[in-house]
Amino acid sequence: MKQSEIKELSTAELQEKLGETKKSYADLKLAHAISPLENPIQLRALRRTVARIATEITKREVQ
C-alpha cells in the first residue's frame, strides 16, 4: 500500500487496515517459520506497510 493511498483513508479505516495488515503479517511469518515462502520479500513489504499505517495514525493524533 502506497503512502498516497494511506493518506486518503479516514482514521477509522486506518485502524481497521492496521489490524488486518498486522494479522496478515503474523500469519505469513508463521507460514514462513513452518516452510520457506516462495517470495520472502512479502514479509518486508507487509512490515513496511504496517509501519506506514502506524506512522500516519500517530501523525494524525499529534495534530
C-alpha atoms as a PDB file:
ATOM      1  CA  MET A   1       0.000   0.000   0.000  1.00  0.00           C
ATOM      2  CA  LYS A   2       1.437   3.331  -1.052  1.00  0.00           C
ATOM      3  CA  GLN A   3       1.680   6.400   1.147  1.00  0.00           C
ATOM      4  CA  SER A   4      -0.701   8.330  -1.122  1.00  0.00           C
ATOM      5  CA  GLU A   5      -3.345   5.602  -0.655  1.00  0.00           C
ATOM      6  CA  ILE A   6      -2.873   5.672   3.107  1.00  0.00           C
ATOM      7  CA  LYS A   7      -3.357   9.459   3.306  1.00  0.00           C
ATOM      8  CA  GLU A   8      -6.741   9.181   1.562  1.00  0.00           C
ATOM      9  CA  LEU A   9      -8.192   6.833   4.213  1.00  0.00           C
ATOM     10  CA  SER A  10     -10.046   8.028   7.303  1.00  0.00           C
ATOM     11  CA  THR A  11      -8.645   7.378  10.768  1.00  0.00           C
ATOM     12  CA  ALA A  12     -11.187   4.617  11.434  1.00  0.00           C
ATOM     13  CA  GLU A  13     -10.306   2.943   8.155  1.00  0.00           C
ATOM     14  CA  LEU A  14      -6.616   3.195   9.037  1.00  0.00           C
ATOM     15  CA  GLN A  15      -7.199   1.499  12.396  1.00  0.00           C
ATOM     16  CA  GLU A  16      -9.078  -1.324  10.660  1.00  0.00           C
ATOM     17  CA  LYS A  17      -6.433  -1.654   7.945  1.00  0.00           C
ATOM     18  CA  LEU A  18      -3.679  -1.739  10.578  1.00  0.00           C
ATOM     19  CA  GLY A  19      -5.337  -4.665  12.345  1.00  0.00           C
ATOM     20  CA  GLU A  20      -5.817  -6.558   9.089  1.00  0.00           C
ATOM     21  CA  THR A  21      -2.245  -5.945   7.965  1.00  0.00           C
ATOM     22  CA  LYS A  22      -0.756  -6.982  11.330  1.00  0.00           C
ATOM     23  CA  LYS A  23      -2.765 -10.206  11.266  1.00  0.00           C
ATOM     24  CA  SER A  24      -1.712 -10.894   7.699  1.00  0.00           C
ATOM     25  CA  TYR A  25       1.937 -10.284   8.638  1.00  0.00           C
ATOM     26  CA  ALA A  26       1.710 -12.626  11.631  1.00  0.00           C
ATOM     27  CA  ASP A  27       0.115 -15.366   9.513  1.00  0.00           C
ATOM     28  CA  LEU A  28       2.742 -15.002   6.804  1.00  0.00           C
ATOM     29  CA  LYS A  29       5.565 -15.031   9.368  1.00  0.00           C
ATOM     30  CA  LEU A  30       4.201 -18.229  10.912  1.00  0.00           C
ATOM     31  CA  ALA A  31       3.886 -19.849   7.487  1.00  0.00           C
ATOM     32  CA  HIS A  32       7.481 -18.878   6.740  1.00  0.00           C
ATOM     33  CA  ALA A  33       8.673 -20.451  10.002  1.00  0.00           C
ATOM     34  CA  ILE A  34       6.986 -23.743   9.095  1.00  0.00           C
ATOM     35  CA  SER A  35       8.142 -23.903   5.500  1.00  0.00           C
ATOM     36  CA  PRO A  36      10.034 -21.313   3.461  1.00  0.00           C
ATOM     37  CA  LEU A  37       7.912 -18.883   1.476  1.00  0.00           C
ATOM     38  CA  GLU A  38       8.217 -18.750  -2.274  1.00  0.00           C
ATOM     39  CA  ASN A  39       8.617 -14.967  -2.047  1.00  0.00           C
ATOM     40  CA  PRO A  40      10.045 -13.949   1.371  1.00  0.00           C
ATOM     41  CA  ILE A  41      10.141 -10.292   0.280  1.00  0.00           C
ATOM     42  CA  GLN A  42       6.409 -10.251   1.089  1.00  0.00           C
ATOM     43  CA  LEU A  43       7.366 -10.167   4.773  1.00  0.00           C
ATOM     44  CA  ARG A  44       9.371  -6.982   4.296  1.00  0.00           C
ATOM     45  CA  ALA A  45       6.620  -5.346   2.264  1.00  0.00           C
ATOM     46  CA  LEU A  46       3.963  -6.104   4.897  1.00  0.00           C
ATOM     47  CA  ARG A  47       6.197  -4.953   7.751  1.00  0.00           C
ATOM     48  CA  ARG A  48       6.802  -1.644   5.983  1.00  0.00           C
ATOM     49  CA  THR A  49       3.090  -1.237   5.250  1.00  0.00           C
ATOM     50  CA  VAL A  50       2.339  -1.698   8.960  1.00  0.00           C
ATOM     51  CA  ALA A  51       4.920   0.980   9.742  1.00  0.00           C
ATOM     52  CA  ARG A  52       3.469   3.389   7.170  1.00  0.00           C
ATOM     53  CA  ILE A  53      -0.048   2.996   8.531  1.00  0.00           C
ATOM     54  CA  ALA A  54       1.080   3.318  12.157  1.00  0.00           C
ATOM     55  CA  THR A  55       3.074   6.448  11.296  1.00  0.00           C
ATOM     56  CA  GLU A  56       0.079   8.073   9.623  1.00  0.00           C
ATOM     57  CA  ILE A  57      -2.144   7.279  12.631  1.00  0.00           C
ATOM     58  CA  THR A  58       0.419   8.792  15.007  1.00  0.00           C
ATOM     59  CA  LYS A  59       0.793  11.869  12.806  1.00  0.00           C
ATOM     60  CA  ARG A  60      -2.959  12.440  12.866  1.00  0.00           C
ATOM     61  CA  GLU A  61      -3.134  12.022  16.659  1.00  0.00           C
ATOM     62  CA  VAL A  62      -0.435  14.646  17.179  1.00  0.00           C
ATOM     63  CA  GLN A  63      -2.180  17.246  15.025  1.00  0.00           C
END
